[in-house]
N, C-alpha and C. Protein backbone atom coordinates (compact mmCIF):
# COMPACT_ATOMS: atom_id res chain seq x y z
N UNK A 1 -31.52 39.02 5.53
CA UNK A 1 -32.51 40.03 5.18
C UNK A 1 -32.62 40.11 3.66
N UNK A 2 -33.85 40.07 3.15
CA UNK A 2 -34.09 40.21 1.72
C UNK A 2 -34.58 41.61 1.41
N UNK A 3 -33.93 42.24 0.47
CA UNK A 3 -34.35 43.55 -0.01
C UNK A 3 -34.88 43.40 -1.42
N UNK A 4 -35.90 44.18 -1.76
CA UNK A 4 -36.48 44.11 -3.09
C UNK A 4 -36.50 45.48 -3.73
N UNK A 5 -36.42 45.49 -5.04
CA UNK A 5 -36.54 46.70 -5.84
C UNK A 5 -37.94 46.67 -6.45
N UNK A 6 -38.76 47.64 -6.12
CA UNK A 6 -40.11 47.72 -6.68
C UNK A 6 -40.13 48.87 -7.67
N UNK A 7 -40.47 48.54 -8.92
CA UNK A 7 -40.54 49.54 -9.98
C UNK A 7 -42.01 49.71 -10.37
N UNK A 8 -42.51 50.92 -10.24
CA UNK A 8 -43.88 51.21 -10.64
C UNK A 8 -43.91 51.44 -12.15
N UNK A 9 -44.80 50.74 -12.83
CA UNK A 9 -44.91 50.89 -14.28
C UNK A 9 -46.37 50.76 -14.68
N UNK A 10 -46.85 51.74 -15.43
CA UNK A 10 -48.23 51.66 -15.92
C UNK A 10 -48.29 52.25 -17.32
N UNK A 11 -49.35 51.91 -18.01
CA UNK A 11 -49.52 52.34 -19.39
C UNK A 11 -50.41 53.57 -19.53
N UNK A 12 -51.04 54.01 -18.46
CA UNK A 12 -52.09 55.03 -18.55
C UNK A 12 -51.68 56.41 -18.06
N UNK A 13 -50.44 56.79 -18.23
CA UNK A 13 -50.02 58.13 -17.87
C UNK A 13 -50.84 59.14 -18.67
N UNK A 14 -51.22 60.25 -18.04
CA UNK A 14 -52.02 61.24 -18.77
C UNK A 14 -51.16 62.11 -19.68
N UNK A 15 -49.94 62.39 -19.28
CA UNK A 15 -49.07 63.24 -20.11
C UNK A 15 -48.37 62.49 -21.23
N UNK A 16 -47.99 61.24 -20.97
CA UNK A 16 -47.30 60.45 -21.99
C UNK A 16 -47.70 58.98 -21.83
N UNK A 17 -48.88 58.63 -22.34
CA UNK A 17 -49.36 57.24 -22.18
C UNK A 17 -48.37 56.22 -22.75
N UNK A 18 -48.18 55.14 -22.01
CA UNK A 18 -47.31 54.06 -22.47
C UNK A 18 -45.83 54.35 -22.41
N UNK A 19 -45.44 55.37 -21.65
CA UNK A 19 -44.03 55.79 -21.68
C UNK A 19 -43.04 54.71 -21.29
N UNK A 20 -43.40 53.79 -20.39
CA UNK A 20 -42.45 52.75 -20.00
C UNK A 20 -42.17 51.77 -21.13
N UNK A 21 -43.06 51.72 -22.13
CA UNK A 21 -42.87 50.81 -23.25
C UNK A 21 -42.42 51.53 -24.52
N UNK A 22 -42.17 52.83 -24.43
CA UNK A 22 -41.67 53.56 -25.59
C UNK A 22 -40.24 53.11 -25.89
N UNK A 23 -39.89 53.03 -27.17
CA UNK A 23 -38.55 52.54 -27.52
C UNK A 23 -37.45 53.56 -27.22
N UNK A 24 -36.39 53.06 -26.66
CA UNK A 24 -35.13 53.79 -26.52
C UNK A 24 -34.14 52.98 -27.34
N UNK A 25 -33.89 53.42 -28.55
CA UNK A 25 -33.11 52.60 -29.46
C UNK A 25 -33.99 51.48 -29.96
N UNK A 26 -33.59 50.25 -29.70
CA UNK A 26 -34.37 49.11 -30.21
C UNK A 26 -35.12 48.34 -29.12
N UNK A 27 -35.17 48.90 -27.90
CA UNK A 27 -35.84 48.22 -26.79
C UNK A 27 -36.73 49.20 -26.04
N UNK A 28 -37.77 48.69 -25.36
CA UNK A 28 -38.59 49.56 -24.53
C UNK A 28 -37.79 50.10 -23.33
N UNK A 29 -38.16 51.28 -22.88
CA UNK A 29 -37.47 51.93 -21.76
C UNK A 29 -37.42 51.02 -20.53
N UNK A 30 -38.51 50.33 -20.23
CA UNK A 30 -38.54 49.44 -19.06
C UNK A 30 -37.53 48.30 -19.21
N UNK A 31 -37.40 47.76 -20.40
CA UNK A 31 -36.45 46.67 -20.62
C UNK A 31 -35.02 47.14 -20.41
N UNK A 32 -34.70 48.33 -20.86
CA UNK A 32 -33.36 48.88 -20.65
C UNK A 32 -33.07 49.05 -19.16
N UNK A 33 -34.06 49.56 -18.42
CA UNK A 33 -33.89 49.72 -16.97
C UNK A 33 -33.65 48.36 -16.31
N UNK A 34 -34.42 47.36 -16.71
CA UNK A 34 -34.27 46.03 -16.12
C UNK A 34 -32.93 45.40 -16.47
N UNK A 35 -32.44 45.64 -17.67
CA UNK A 35 -31.11 45.14 -18.05
C UNK A 35 -30.02 45.77 -17.19
N UNK A 36 -30.17 47.04 -16.89
CA UNK A 36 -29.17 47.72 -16.07
C UNK A 36 -29.19 47.22 -14.63
N UNK A 37 -30.32 46.68 -14.20
CA UNK A 37 -30.45 46.14 -12.85
C UNK A 37 -30.33 44.62 -12.84
N UNK A 38 -29.80 44.03 -13.90
CA UNK A 38 -29.79 42.59 -14.09
C UNK A 38 -29.20 41.81 -12.91
N UNK A 39 -28.18 42.34 -12.26
CA UNK A 39 -27.59 41.56 -11.15
C UNK A 39 -28.52 41.46 -9.95
N UNK A 40 -29.59 42.26 -9.93
CA UNK A 40 -30.59 42.21 -8.86
C UNK A 40 -31.89 41.57 -9.34
N UNK A 41 -31.85 40.90 -10.51
CA UNK A 41 -33.04 40.39 -11.18
C UNK A 41 -33.99 39.63 -10.25
N UNK A 42 -33.46 38.77 -9.40
CA UNK A 42 -34.32 37.96 -8.53
C UNK A 42 -35.01 38.79 -7.46
N UNK A 43 -34.57 40.03 -7.27
CA UNK A 43 -35.14 40.89 -6.24
C UNK A 43 -35.98 42.04 -6.81
N UNK A 44 -36.29 41.98 -8.09
CA UNK A 44 -37.07 43.05 -8.72
C UNK A 44 -38.52 42.63 -8.83
N UNK A 45 -39.41 43.55 -8.51
CA UNK A 45 -40.85 43.35 -8.68
C UNK A 45 -41.39 44.57 -9.42
N UNK A 46 -42.14 44.31 -10.48
CA UNK A 46 -42.79 45.39 -11.23
C UNK A 46 -44.19 45.56 -10.66
N UNK A 47 -44.50 46.75 -10.16
CA UNK A 47 -45.84 47.06 -9.64
C UNK A 47 -46.60 47.76 -10.75
N UNK A 48 -47.69 47.14 -11.18
CA UNK A 48 -48.47 47.72 -12.27
C UNK A 48 -49.96 47.63 -11.94
N UNK A 49 -50.78 48.12 -12.84
CA UNK A 49 -52.22 48.12 -12.62
C UNK A 49 -52.83 46.79 -13.03
N UNK A 50 -54.10 46.63 -12.76
CA UNK A 50 -54.82 45.45 -13.26
C UNK A 50 -56.10 45.89 -13.96
N UNK A 51 -55.98 46.98 -14.71
CA UNK A 51 -57.15 47.53 -15.40
C UNK A 51 -57.24 47.09 -16.86
N UNK A 52 -56.39 46.15 -17.26
CA UNK A 52 -56.42 45.65 -18.62
C UNK A 52 -55.42 46.32 -19.55
N UNK A 53 -54.85 47.44 -19.13
CA UNK A 53 -53.90 48.14 -19.99
C UNK A 53 -52.47 47.66 -19.80
N UNK A 54 -52.23 46.84 -18.78
CA UNK A 54 -50.88 46.47 -18.39
C UNK A 54 -50.31 45.29 -19.17
N UNK A 55 -51.05 44.76 -20.11
CA UNK A 55 -50.62 43.56 -20.83
C UNK A 55 -49.21 43.67 -21.44
N UNK A 56 -48.84 44.77 -22.10
CA UNK A 56 -47.47 44.87 -22.63
C UNK A 56 -46.40 44.77 -21.53
N UNK A 57 -46.68 45.33 -20.36
CA UNK A 57 -45.74 45.28 -19.24
C UNK A 57 -45.62 43.85 -18.73
N UNK A 58 -46.76 43.18 -18.56
CA UNK A 58 -46.77 41.79 -18.09
C UNK A 58 -46.05 40.89 -19.09
N UNK A 59 -46.29 41.09 -20.37
CA UNK A 59 -45.63 40.27 -21.39
C UNK A 59 -44.11 40.45 -21.33
N UNK A 60 -43.65 41.68 -21.14
CA UNK A 60 -42.21 41.93 -21.02
C UNK A 60 -41.65 41.24 -19.78
N UNK A 61 -42.36 41.34 -18.67
CA UNK A 61 -41.90 40.69 -17.43
C UNK A 61 -41.79 39.18 -17.62
N UNK A 62 -42.78 38.59 -18.27
CA UNK A 62 -42.73 37.14 -18.52
C UNK A 62 -41.54 36.79 -19.41
N UNK A 63 -41.31 37.58 -20.45
CA UNK A 63 -40.20 37.34 -21.38
C UNK A 63 -38.86 37.39 -20.66
N UNK A 64 -38.72 38.34 -19.70
CA UNK A 64 -37.45 38.54 -19.01
C UNK A 64 -37.33 37.78 -17.70
N UNK A 65 -38.42 37.13 -17.27
CA UNK A 65 -38.39 36.39 -16.01
C UNK A 65 -38.40 37.29 -14.79
N UNK A 66 -39.14 38.39 -14.87
CA UNK A 66 -39.23 39.36 -13.77
C UNK A 66 -40.58 39.20 -13.08
N UNK A 67 -40.58 39.25 -11.75
CA UNK A 67 -41.84 39.16 -10.99
C UNK A 67 -42.65 40.44 -11.20
N UNK A 68 -43.96 40.28 -11.21
CA UNK A 68 -44.85 41.43 -11.33
C UNK A 68 -46.08 41.23 -10.48
């Protein structure tokens, strides 16, 4: 049985736009979360929008080798 971790991430929050890419120290919040889940890396999928605002999220996923 394969289990997957699906993380919802978008850039268009109304209260805090771009919050998943805001820096926590020297890295974006999403990157820190993904590092903490590193042992499950092959089972992580980032669910994001396709409205054109998701490019920073997609670029991070490509850099880290995470499915989106």
